[in-house]
Every structure is written in structure tokens, then in C-alpha cells.
Amino acid sequence: MSSDRPTTTTPRPPAPPTAQVPTTQVPTTLPTAPLTALLAALLLACTALLGTGATAARAADPTPATTSTGASIAAALKTSPVYVDPAYAAAVTPAQQQQIAEQIAATGLPIKVVLVPLQKGDAFDGDSRAMATVVQERLGQSPLIVITSSYGSWLSGYEWPTGDTHQARDAASAVGLLEELKDAGLAAKVGRAVELISTGKGTEVYRAESDRLDRERSARPATEDRADDTPSGSSLTSGPFAIAAVLVLALVIGSALLVRSRRRPRHTAFTFPDAVFAADRAADEAGLRRQAADEVLALGTALHGADGATTPGLSRALDAYDAAGRVLDAADGLPDLAGVLALAAEGRAALATEPRLPLCFFDPRHGTAARRTTWRPLGRRERVDVAVCADCAQALRARRSPQVLAVRDQGRTVPYFEVPAERSLWAATGYGSLLSGPDDTLAARVTSGEFTRTSGRRRRAADQQD
């Protein structure tokens, strides 16, 4: 059966790690057994606590799986400008669909509405822009404005030809900020988005609502902010807060073990035993996914408080926020999650008044780079200009190999930047260090589909290797 996913190959689980470890890379010391045992016990406790709640949540979730594809959506849109997946049938009734269709007809604009619950692994791999693009290609229509469902209660707006003629993106985003629509249903939000697009006031309303939210936050005492973080009437020693406490404790201990292991200097070339890489990946991925999600939310909060009149980079920051959210939804392992961190950093840099360096070239988890330096990869003659954190800069000065982000590629464990650029957006850009100029951004490359294309090639190569 054909699929409208941007990448059609389903990734397979990585091969089991081999037990053959090069002797030059075997650590001479291991974390102490008591700490390791404690960490394992805490993680098991978390699993037990979370298991019951997760099972109950799945059992109570009545939402049916989406069966929408680009072909079925486009076919339906030829008879009505509003398509609603069966999963949203209760949220947007046939009568409401008809009302929205009549509203669109009155505008005289080529607006289509596509409401489909998105998640990674579906026909569009959880990407609202990919869905809108597939629909536009299937319809073969331009000009075209598409309003889609996005993250949570948010909507997204897209236009063809590419541009901002009707402010569709800002109109869709503004709906999520409007106080009067805070508790409104999906149909009402779509109707308001159509109204803003037809009147050309999407950007105006988006900026006004962003300013309002900024003023409200500024007027709140710091003590009120802290009080709001703790739900009243809840015990910190029971329910979800007990789970959170155990998770935090496990994370702290795990981080301590990880920091101890990473502080050991590496005096050899970039080689990684499979077993060591597999253990590192298993320990890091869950934590990095939480960190990436937090960074995207933090960027969204900053955007709500940004003033377009005094923030020249607001448009770029919005693009970075949109791209970070889509990469997070489709992230397949540590390299993609590190890419979310890099996109969030790009968005924050666009909002800043002073120029900022990207995240560390060798491993974005190291944080924002402290300086730029030239570096010659082992076995190559050419030198490249990269942004590095203080620790990596010190390692280079001492002629040591910095700690790098390792990935699995065609049966080998290698630094991420050794993956061919056609199979990795992150290798091609160095997470921002290797971009060609001010107009070349990570967000622009994600928007152009480079992330989807390179990810698809990487998965196909992995399938062939398996």
C-alpha cells in the first residue's frame, strides 16, 4: 500500500551491540557498584510507578488512530474545503464543518482546512508542514492557503506560493494566544483563523497578544510565579509528584556517573566501542528528549513576549520554533534530539540583541560555544572553522580529541560529522557551525525538507545494511 509519508522506509531497531571492545578504549575504572545499583533500583521503581498510570491512560484514551492520507484528504477537499479526520469528529461536527465551509466561501480565498491528529509514525510522520505540502501537491493548486492542526490546541497556517501574502502563519498562531478562545473548541479556533486571514490582521493580532502576555508576566510578582508552579491541595509525597521526585533523584545520580566518566581525558583518535556507545545512548536519550522538549517550550514562551517592532529577528525565531517542534516530533535518536537543541538555540539567538555563537560543534549537549577555532579532522588535510565550547577548545590546544557526539552509521560507530552529508543534516551543518552565511539557517534547511530527505536516506541505508 502506498504512503504519503515524506520518508517511506520504517527504521529498524539497531543491531545488538557487539561484545568485542578494542583494548585501547576499555575504561580502566568503572563507576562504583553501589551507585550503579542504586541508580538501577531507582529506575526500576520509576518504571513500576509509571507503568500503572501509563496503562490506565492508554486504556482510557478513546481517540481512534488516524487513517488519513494525502490522497484521501485531497480527494475530500475537492468537494469541500474542510477535511476532518474521524478522530476529530466529536470536536468538529458536520454542522460546524458546513459553517466553516460557508465562511471560507464568503472570503473568496483559496483556503483549505485539514484537521488530522498528528504523531510520529503516522502517514506524515507527525509533521504538519509535510502534511500540508503533500495535500498541496496532490491538489496541484496554487495559490493555496492551508490551515492544519498542530501541537496540542495550536493551529498552523501555510501558503503557496511561499510567502506571507495573507499572513496565514501568524493568523493561525495568534488563535492560540487569544484569551477569549482559551477554552474554545477546535471549530471556533479554525473560524477565527479564517477570519484573521480574510481581514489580513493575522500579524497585527499575533503581535498584540504577544505584547499582552508579556505585560501580564512582567506584572506578576516572582513569588506568584513560584506558587503557581505547585498545584494547591497536592501532596509532594504522593501520586505524580512522588514519581517526579524519584525521576529527579535518578537523573541526578545518573548525571553524576556520566560526568565522572566524561571527565576522563581521551588521548586516542575518534573510535567508539559498540558496547560503550549502546550504553551511552540508552542512558542519554530519554533525558535528552526531555531537555529538548523543555527548550522548545522555553523558546515558545520567549516568543510570546517578543515585540516585532523591536525584535528584528522575530521572524527567524518563529521559523526556528516551528522547525524545532517538527524535528522533535520526528526525532530518531540522539543526533536529531541534539538538532532540536541547536534549533532552539538558533531561535534564542535570533531574539537576542547581541550576536551569539551556535552550540558546540563537537557535541551540542556541551552548550553554547565559547569561541570559534580552526580544526583539522584526523586523516584529512583541510581545516574547518567551527564553534567550540571551552572544554573542547582546551582539548584541542592540548592535542587531545574532544568528546564528540557519536552515532551509528552502516554498522559502525562514528562521530556524527563523519556521516556523509547526504544522509545527515547535522553532519552537513555541524549543528550550525558550518552554515554558509547569515541567510543559511538550520530552520530554513528543515523547512526546505532537507531534514526529511536526509533522514530518509539514512534509514534506507540502515535497512540495506541490516
Protein backbone atom coordinates (compact mmCIF):
# COMPACT_ATOMS: atom_id res chain seq x y z
CA MET A 1 0.00 0.00 0.00
CA SER A 2 1.39 3.41 -0.92
CA SER A 3 2.07 6.01 1.74
CA ASP A 4 2.25 9.81 1.74
CA ARG A 5 4.92 9.98 4.37
CA PRO A 6 7.90 12.13 3.38
CA THR A 7 10.09 9.11 4.17
CA THR A 8 8.64 5.76 3.32
CA THR A 9 11.13 3.42 4.97
CA THR A 10 10.41 2.33 8.51
CA PRO A 11 13.57 2.38 10.66
CA ARG A 12 14.54 -0.96 12.15
CA PRO A 13 15.92 -1.40 15.65
CA PRO A 14 19.72 -1.11 15.80
CA ALA A 15 21.71 -4.34 15.77
CA PRO A 16 22.59 -5.71 19.22
CA PRO A 17 25.88 -4.24 20.45
CA THR A 18 28.86 -6.50 19.90
CA ALA A 19 30.86 -7.68 22.86
CA GLN A 20 34.18 -7.04 21.09
CA VAL A 21 35.71 -3.95 22.67
CA PRO A 22 39.07 -2.64 21.46
CA THR A 23 41.54 -2.85 24.31
CA THR A 24 42.75 0.69 23.70
CA GLN A 25 39.31 2.01 24.52
CA VAL A 26 38.32 -0.05 27.57
CA PRO A 27 37.97 2.27 30.58
CA THR A 28 40.42 1.43 33.35
CA THR A 29 37.88 2.20 36.06
CA LEU A 30 34.15 1.86 36.33
CA PRO A 31 31.63 3.75 38.48
CA THR A 32 31.35 2.27 41.94
CA ALA A 33 28.95 -0.66 42.22
CA PRO A 34 26.76 0.80 45.00
CA LEU A 35 25.94 3.91 42.96
CA THR A 36 25.22 1.86 39.87
CA ALA A 37 22.98 -0.50 41.82
CA LEU A 38 21.14 2.43 43.40
CA LEU A 39 20.55 4.02 40.02
CA ALA A 40 19.21 0.75 38.63
CA ALA A 41 16.89 0.35 41.60
CA LEU A 42 15.57 3.89 41.23
CA LEU A 43 14.92 3.42 37.53
CA LEU A 44 13.09 0.16 38.23
CA ALA A 45 10.97 1.97 40.79
CA CYS A 46 10.15 4.67 38.24
CA THR A 47 9.14 2.02 35.74
CA ALA A 48 6.84 0.37 38.24
CA LEU A 49 5.25 3.67 39.25
CA LEU A 50 4.80 4.88 35.71
CA GLY A 51 3.62 1.56 34.32
CA THR A 52 0.24 1.53 36.04
CA GLY A 53 -0.56 5.12 35.14
CA ALA A 54 0.55 4.71 31.55
CA THR A 55 -1.51 1.56 31.14
CA ALA A 56 -4.56 3.25 32.59
CA ALA A 57 -4.10 6.25 30.34
CA ARG A 58 -3.90 4.06 27.26
CA ALA A 59 -6.97 2.15 28.30
CA ALA A 60 -8.92 5.36 28.90
CA ASP A 61 -7.90 7.02 25.61
CA PRO A 62 -10.89 6.75 23.27
CA THR A 63 -9.28 8.58 20.35
CA PRO A 64 -9.16 6.32 17.28
CA ALA A 65 -5.99 6.09 15.23
CA THR A 66 -5.93 8.38 12.22
CA THR A 67 -6.36 6.75 8.82
CA SER A 68 -5.98 9.93 6.77
CA THR A 69 -3.52 10.01 3.87
CA GLY A 70 -2.64 12.71 1.38
CA ALA A 71 -4.72 11.03 -1.30
CA SER A 72 -7.82 10.68 0.86
CA ILE A 73 -7.53 14.24 2.17
CA ALA A 74 -7.05 15.76 -1.29
CA ALA A 75 -9.97 13.78 -2.68
CA ALA A 76 -12.23 15.04 0.10
CA LEU A 77 -11.06 18.64 -0.32
CA LYS A 78 -12.22 18.63 -3.93
CA THR A 79 -15.80 18.52 -2.71
CA SER A 80 -15.47 20.58 0.49
CA PRO A 81 -12.78 23.00 1.75
CA VAL A 82 -12.87 21.38 5.19
CA TYR A 83 -11.46 17.93 5.97
CA VAL A 84 -11.88 16.47 9.45
CA ASP A 85 -10.31 13.15 10.40
CA PRO A 86 -12.69 10.72 12.18
CA ALA A 87 -10.63 11.21 15.36
CA TYR A 88 -11.85 14.84 15.45
CA ALA A 89 -15.46 14.06 14.53
CA ALA A 90 -16.75 14.90 18.01
CA ALA A 91 -14.72 18.12 18.22
CA VAL A 92 -15.86 19.46 14.84
CA THR A 93 -19.36 18.27 13.99
CA PRO A 94 -20.76 18.10 10.43
CA ALA A 95 -22.81 21.23 11.15
CA GLN A 96 -19.67 23.10 12.26
CA GLN A 97 -17.79 21.86 9.20
CA GLN A 98 -20.54 23.26 6.99
CA GLN A 99 -20.41 26.57 8.85
CA ILE A 100 -16.63 26.84 8.33
CA ALA A 101 -17.04 25.93 4.65
CA GLU A 102 -19.59 28.72 4.19
CA GLN A 103 -17.29 31.15 6.00
CA ILE A 104 -14.43 30.22 3.65
CA ALA A 105 -16.65 30.62 0.58
CA ALA A 106 -17.60 34.13 1.73
CA THR A 107 -13.92 35.18 1.85
CA GLY A 108 -13.29 34.30 -1.79
CA LEU A 109 -9.84 32.99 -0.80
CA PRO A 110 -8.39 29.55 -1.68
CA ILE A 111 -8.46 28.33 1.92
CA LYS A 112 -8.46 24.65 2.86
CA VAL A 113 -8.76 23.29 6.39
CA VAL A 114 -7.19 19.94 7.30
CA LEU A 115 -7.74 18.70 10.85
CA VAL A 116 -5.82 15.48 11.49
CA PRO A 117 -4.25 14.34 14.81
CA LEU A 118 -0.55 14.00 14.06
CA GLN A 119 2.03 11.82 15.73
CA LYS A 120 5.37 10.31 14.81
CA GLY A 121 4.95 7.20 12.70
CA ASP A 122 1.71 8.25 11.02
CA ALA A 123 1.28 8.91 7.29
CA PHE A 124 3.10 12.26 7.69
CA ASP A 125 5.49 11.30 10.50
CA GLY A 126 3.83 13.85 12.79
CA ASP A 127 4.80 16.83 10.61
CA SER A 128 2.01 19.33 9.89
CA ARG A 129 4.06 21.09 7.20
CA ALA A 130 4.74 17.77 5.49
CA MET A 131 1.01 17.05 5.56
CA ALA A 132 0.15 20.46 4.12
CA THR A 133 2.80 20.07 1.41
CA VAL A 134 1.55 16.63 0.42
CA VAL A 135 -2.02 17.94 0.24
CA GLN A 136 -0.94 20.90 -1.90
CA GLU A 137 0.95 18.62 -4.27
CA ARG A 138 -1.99 16.22 -4.51
CA LEU A 139 -4.38 19.07 -5.23
CA GLY A 140 -1.97 20.68 -7.68
CA GLN A 141 -3.36 24.05 -6.62
CA SER A 142 -1.60 27.40 -6.29
CA PRO A 143 -2.35 29.89 -4.85
CA LEU A 144 -3.47 27.95 -1.80
CA ILE A 145 -3.80 28.55 1.95
CA VAL A 146 -3.90 25.53 4.25
CA ILE A 147 -4.87 25.64 7.93
CA THR A 148 -3.87 22.49 9.79
CA SER A 149 -3.99 21.11 13.30
CA SER A 150 -0.61 21.25 15.01
CA TYR A 151 0.72 20.83 18.57
CA GLY A 152 -1.99 20.44 21.19
CA SER A 153 -4.63 23.12 20.64
CA TRP A 154 -2.43 25.11 18.24
CA LEU A 155 -3.08 25.58 14.54
CA SER A 156 -0.57 26.10 11.74
CA GLY A 157 -1.00 28.10 8.56
CA TYR A 158 0.80 27.63 5.23
CA GLU A 159 0.64 29.47 1.91
CA TRP A 160 1.54 28.76 -1.70
CA PRO A 161 3.31 30.38 -3.44
CA THR A 162 5.61 30.51 -0.43
CA GLY A 163 5.33 33.89 1.22
CA ASP A 164 3.29 35.87 3.70
CA THR A 165 0.68 37.44 1.44
CA HIS A 166 -2.26 36.64 3.71
CA GLN A 167 -0.31 36.28 7.00
CA ALA A 168 -1.59 32.71 7.34
CA ARG A 169 1.16 31.60 9.72
CA ASP A 170 0.66 34.50 12.14
CA ALA A 171 -3.12 34.20 11.91
CA ALA A 172 -3.03 30.53 12.90
CA SER A 173 -0.52 31.19 15.69
CA ALA A 174 -2.50 34.16 17.04
CA VAL A 175 -5.53 31.97 17.65
CA GLY A 176 -3.58 30.00 20.26
CA LEU A 177 -2.85 33.22 22.18
CA LEU A 178 -6.31 34.84 22.21
CA GLU A 179 -7.72 34.99 25.73
CA GLU A 180 -11.33 34.73 24.54
CA LEU A 181 -10.53 31.43 22.79
CA LYS A 182 -8.66 29.89 25.71
CA ASP A 183 -11.44 27.37 26.40
CA ALA A 184 -12.98 27.39 22.92
CA GLY A 185 -13.38 24.32 20.78
CA LEU A 186 -11.42 23.48 17.68
CA ALA A 187 -14.17 24.68 15.33
CA ALA A 188 -14.24 28.14 16.91
CA LYS A 189 -10.46 28.46 16.65
CA VAL A 190 -10.48 27.49 12.99
CA GLY A 191 -13.24 30.00 12.32
CA ARG A 192 -11.25 32.78 13.95
CA ALA A 193 -8.14 31.84 11.96
CA VAL A 194 -10.15 32.08 8.73
CA GLU A 195 -11.42 35.49 9.83
CA LEU A 196 -7.92 36.81 10.56
CA ILE A 197 -6.65 35.57 7.20
CA SER A 198 -9.55 37.17 5.31
CA THR A 199 -9.08 40.54 7.05
CA GLY A 200 -5.27 40.47 6.78
CA LYS A 201 -4.86 41.11 10.50
CA GLY A 202 -3.03 37.93 11.48
CA THR A 203 0.32 39.59 12.22
CA GLU A 204 -1.32 42.55 13.97
CA VAL A 205 -3.30 40.34 16.35
CA TYR A 206 -0.38 37.98 16.94
CA ARG A 207 1.88 40.85 17.99
CA ALA A 208 -0.81 42.42 20.16
CA GLU A 209 -1.48 39.18 22.00
CA SER A 210 2.24 38.54 22.45
CA ASP A 211 2.62 42.01 23.99
CA ARG A 212 -0.35 41.36 26.31
CA LEU A 213 1.14 38.13 27.58
CA ASP A 214 4.48 39.84 28.13
CA ARG A 215 2.87 42.61 30.17
CA GLU A 216 0.94 40.11 32.27
CA ARG A 217 4.07 38.12 33.07
CA SER A 218 6.02 41.26 33.92
CA ALA A 219 3.29 42.41 36.32
CA ARG A 220 3.22 39.15 38.26
CA PRO A 221 5.35 39.01 41.44
CA ALA A 222 8.11 36.43 41.42
CA THR A 223 6.53 34.72 44.46
CA GLU A 224 3.30 34.29 42.49
CA ASP A 225 5.17 32.59 39.66
CA ARG A 226 6.69 30.14 42.10
CA ALA A 227 3.38 29.50 43.84
CA ASP A 228 1.68 28.76 40.53
CA ASP A 229 4.20 26.01 39.84
CA THR A 230 2.89 23.95 42.79
CA PRO A 231 -0.75 22.83 42.44
CA SER A 232 -2.78 23.57 45.57
CA GLY A 233 -4.13 20.63 47.51
CA SER A 234 -1.50 18.23 46.12
CA SER A 235 0.98 16.29 48.21
CA LEU A 236 4.59 16.24 47.07
CA THR A 237 5.00 12.81 48.57
CA SER A 238 2.26 11.03 46.64
CA GLY A 239 0.90 10.50 43.15
CA PRO A 240 2.71 12.06 40.20
CA PHE A 241 4.93 14.15 42.46
CA ALA A 242 6.42 11.04 44.04
CA ILE A 243 7.21 9.80 40.56
CA ALA A 244 8.78 13.14 39.70
CA ALA A 245 10.90 13.09 42.86
CA VAL A 246 12.20 9.61 42.09
CA LEU A 247 12.92 10.61 38.48
CA VAL A 248 14.83 13.71 39.59
CA LEU A 249 16.90 11.72 42.08
CA ALA A 250 17.67 9.08 39.46
CA LEU A 251 18.60 11.76 36.95
CA VAL A 252 20.95 13.49 39.41
CA ILE A 253 22.77 10.26 40.26
CA GLY A 254 22.90 9.22 36.62
CA SER A 255 24.27 12.62 35.63
CA ALA A 256 26.95 12.37 38.30
CA LEU A 257 28.06 8.99 36.97
CA LEU A 258 28.01 10.30 33.41
CA VAL A 259 30.04 13.40 34.29
CA ARG A 260 32.63 11.27 36.09
CA SER A 261 33.06 9.08 33.04
CA ARG A 262 33.20 12.01 30.62
CA ARG A 263 35.84 13.91 32.58
CA ARG A 264 38.40 11.23 31.86
CA PRO A 265 40.66 12.58 29.11
CA ARG A 266 40.65 10.76 25.79
CA HIS A 267 44.11 10.56 24.26
CA THR A 268 43.22 8.41 21.27
CA ALA A 269 41.61 9.02 17.91
CA PHE A 270 37.83 9.09 17.39
CA THR A 271 36.93 5.41 17.88
CA PHE A 272 33.98 4.09 19.88
CA PRO A 273 33.35 0.53 21.09
CA ASP A 274 29.85 -0.64 20.19
CA ALA A 275 29.04 -1.69 23.78
CA VAL A 276 30.12 1.66 25.22
CA PHE A 277 28.11 3.56 22.60
CA ALA A 278 24.98 1.48 23.17
CA ALA A 279 25.12 2.04 26.94
CA ASP A 280 25.70 5.77 26.50
CA ARG A 281 22.80 6.06 24.07
CA ALA A 282 20.40 4.18 26.34
CA ALA A 283 21.34 6.36 29.32
CA ASP A 284 21.17 9.67 27.48
CA GLU A 285 18.27 9.54 25.04
CA ALA A 286 15.36 9.80 27.48
CA GLY A 287 16.96 12.68 29.35
CA LEU A 288 17.90 14.50 26.17
CA ARG A 289 14.35 14.17 24.83
CA ARG A 290 13.01 15.83 27.99
CA GLN A 291 15.63 18.56 27.72
CA ALA A 292 14.80 19.16 24.06
CA ALA A 293 11.08 19.44 24.83
CA ASP A 294 11.83 21.92 27.62
CA GLU A 295 13.97 24.02 25.29
CA VAL A 296 11.20 24.20 22.69
CA LEU A 297 8.69 25.26 25.34
CA ALA A 298 11.08 27.88 26.68
CA LEU A 299 11.57 29.30 23.20
CA GLY A 300 7.80 29.44 22.73
CA THR A 301 7.46 31.39 25.97
CA ALA A 302 10.13 33.83 24.83
CA LEU A 303 8.34 34.29 21.51
CA HIS A 304 5.11 35.17 23.27
CA GLY A 305 6.92 38.04 24.96
CA ALA A 306 8.78 39.28 21.88
CA ASP A 307 7.86 42.59 20.25
CA GLY A 308 8.11 42.53 16.48
CA ALA A 309 8.82 46.27 16.35
CA THR A 310 11.93 45.95 18.50
CA THR A 311 12.97 42.41 17.59
CA PRO A 312 14.28 42.27 14.02
CA GLY A 313 14.90 38.56 14.28
CA LEU A 314 11.37 37.62 15.37
CA SER A 315 10.50 36.00 12.05
CA ARG A 316 13.64 33.85 12.17
CA ALA A 317 12.92 32.90 15.75
CA LEU A 318 9.41 31.82 14.78
CA ASP A 319 10.85 29.72 11.96
CA ALA A 320 13.30 28.11 14.38
CA TYR A 321 10.49 27.36 16.85
CA ASP A 322 8.38 25.73 14.15
CA ALA A 323 11.34 23.71 12.86
CA ALA A 324 12.39 22.62 16.37
CA GLY A 325 8.90 21.34 17.10
CA ARG A 326 8.76 19.33 13.90
CA VAL A 327 12.21 17.82 14.39
CA LEU A 328 11.31 16.93 17.98
CA ASP A 329 8.19 15.11 16.79
CA ALA A 330 10.21 13.14 14.22
CA ALA A 331 13.43 12.76 16.23
CA ASP A 332 15.04 9.33 15.85
CA GLY A 333 17.84 9.15 18.40
CA LEU A 334 20.43 11.42 19.98
CA PRO A 335 21.58 13.25 16.80
CA ASP A 336 18.06 14.51 15.99
CA LEU A 337 17.38 15.47 19.62
CA ALA A 338 20.66 17.41 19.64
CA GLY A 339 19.36 19.08 16.48
CA VAL A 340 16.32 20.27 18.44
CA LEU A 341 18.68 21.90 20.95
CA ALA A 342 20.55 23.58 18.08
CA LEU A 343 17.32 24.89 16.53
CA ALA A 344 16.11 26.22 19.87
CA ALA A 345 19.47 27.95 20.34
CA GLU A 346 19.14 29.43 16.84
CA GLY A 347 15.73 30.81 17.82
CA ARG A 348 17.06 32.35 21.03
CA ALA A 349 19.97 33.87 19.12
CA ALA A 350 17.51 35.47 16.68
CA LEU A 351 15.72 37.12 19.62
CA ALA A 352 18.96 38.34 21.25
CA THR A 353 20.32 41.84 20.73
CA GLU A 354 23.94 40.67 20.59
CA PRO A 355 25.33 38.07 18.16
CA ARG A 356 25.60 34.57 19.57
CA LEU A 357 27.59 31.54 18.53
CA PRO A 358 25.80 28.26 17.83
CA LEU A 359 26.10 25.25 20.12
CA CYS A 360 29.37 23.37 20.35
CA PHE A 361 30.31 21.72 17.05
CA PHE A 362 31.67 18.54 18.65
CA ASP A 363 28.59 17.88 20.78
CA PRO A 364 25.65 20.33 21.07
CA ARG A 365 24.97 18.93 24.54
CA HIS A 366 28.05 20.86 25.69
CA GLY A 367 26.05 24.09 25.34
CA THR A 368 26.68 27.39 23.59
CA ALA A 369 30.13 27.71 22.05
CA ALA A 370 32.65 30.00 23.70
CA ARG A 371 34.74 30.74 20.60
CA ARG A 372 35.44 29.75 17.01
CA THR A 373 38.59 27.93 16.02
CA THR A 374 40.07 26.08 13.07
CA TRP A 375 40.29 22.33 13.34
CA ARG A 376 41.69 19.62 11.09
CA PRO A 377 39.84 16.27 11.23
CA LEU A 378 42.08 13.27 11.78
CA GLY A 379 43.41 11.89 8.49
CA ARG A 380 42.45 14.97 6.44
CA ARG A 381 44.43 17.89 5.10
CA GLU A 382 41.77 20.59 5.05
CA ARG A 383 40.91 22.64 8.12
CA VAL A 384 37.44 23.81 9.03
CA ASP A 385 36.24 26.75 11.12
CA VAL A 386 34.00 25.51 13.95
CA ALA A 387 32.39 26.88 17.12
CA VAL A 388 33.57 25.08 20.26
CA CYS A 389 32.85 25.14 23.97
CA ALA A 390 35.61 25.96 26.46
CA ASP A 391 36.34 22.30 27.31
CA CYS A 392 36.65 21.28 23.66
CA ALA A 393 38.87 24.28 22.94
CA GLN A 394 41.15 23.23 25.78
CA ALA A 395 41.26 19.66 24.49
CA LEU A 396 42.28 20.87 21.03
CA ARG A 397 45.03 23.05 22.48
CA ALA A 398 46.34 20.02 24.39
CA ARG A 399 46.21 17.98 21.15
CA ARG A 400 43.56 15.71 22.63
CA SER A 401 40.41 14.53 20.90
CA PRO A 402 37.39 16.43 22.23
CA GLN A 403 34.37 14.48 23.44
CA VAL A 404 32.10 14.16 20.41
CA LEU A 405 28.55 13.08 19.70
CA ALA A 406 28.74 9.54 18.33
CA VAL A 407 26.21 7.92 16.00
CA ARG A 408 25.61 4.55 14.43
CA ASP A 409 26.11 4.58 10.65
CA GLN A 410 26.16 1.48 8.43
CA GLY A 411 27.28 -0.85 11.17
CA ARG A 412 29.96 1.48 12.55
CA THR A 413 30.04 3.86 15.50
CA VAL A 414 31.49 7.15 14.30
CA PRO A 415 31.45 10.87 15.14
CA TYR A 416 28.26 12.38 13.75
CA PHE A 417 30.23 14.65 11.39
CA GLU A 418 31.73 11.63 9.61
CA VAL A 419 28.31 10.56 8.32
CA PRO A 420 28.02 11.62 4.64
CA ALA A 421 26.19 14.95 4.36
CA GLU A 422 23.54 13.46 2.09
CA ARG A 423 22.45 11.23 5.00
CA SER A 424 22.64 13.78 7.81
CA LEU A 425 21.57 17.41 8.02
CA TRP A 426 23.60 17.67 11.21
CA ALA A 427 26.82 16.46 9.55
CA ALA A 428 26.22 18.91 6.69
CA THR A 429 25.77 21.87 9.04
CA GLY A 430 27.78 20.94 12.15
CA TYR A 431 24.67 21.91 14.14
CA GLY A 432 25.15 25.49 12.93
CA SER A 433 28.95 25.79 12.77
CA LEU A 434 29.22 25.01 9.05
CA LEU A 435 26.39 27.18 7.69
CA SER A 436 27.40 29.27 4.70
CA GLY A 437 26.15 32.69 5.79
CA PRO A 438 23.50 34.74 7.64
CA ASP A 439 20.73 33.62 5.30
CA ASP A 440 21.65 29.94 5.67
CA THR A 441 19.95 28.70 8.84
CA LEU A 442 19.10 25.35 10.34
CA ALA A 443 15.42 26.32 10.35
CA ALA A 444 15.49 27.17 6.65
CA ARG A 445 17.05 23.81 5.85
CA VAL A 446 14.45 21.95 7.89
CA THR A 447 11.67 23.96 6.24
CA SER A 448 13.03 23.17 2.78
CA GLY A 449 12.73 19.45 3.57
CA GLU A 450 16.44 18.69 3.98
CA PHE A 451 15.91 17.07 7.38
CA THR A 452 13.22 14.78 5.98
CA ARG A 453 15.26 13.87 2.90
CA THR A 454 18.49 13.12 4.74
CA SER A 455 16.67 11.15 7.44
CA GLY A 456 15.01 9.06 4.76
CA ARG A 457 18.34 8.29 3.10
CA ARG A 458 19.87 7.36 6.45
CA ARG A 459 17.03 4.95 7.23
CA ARG A 460 17.21 3.35 3.82
CA ALA A 461 20.96 2.89 4.20
CA ALA A 462 20.38 1.30 7.63
CA ASP A 463 17.78 -1.05 6.19
CA GLN A 464 20.14 -2.14 3.44
CA GLN A 465 22.91 -2.71 5.99
CA ASP A 466 20.60 -4.88 8.10
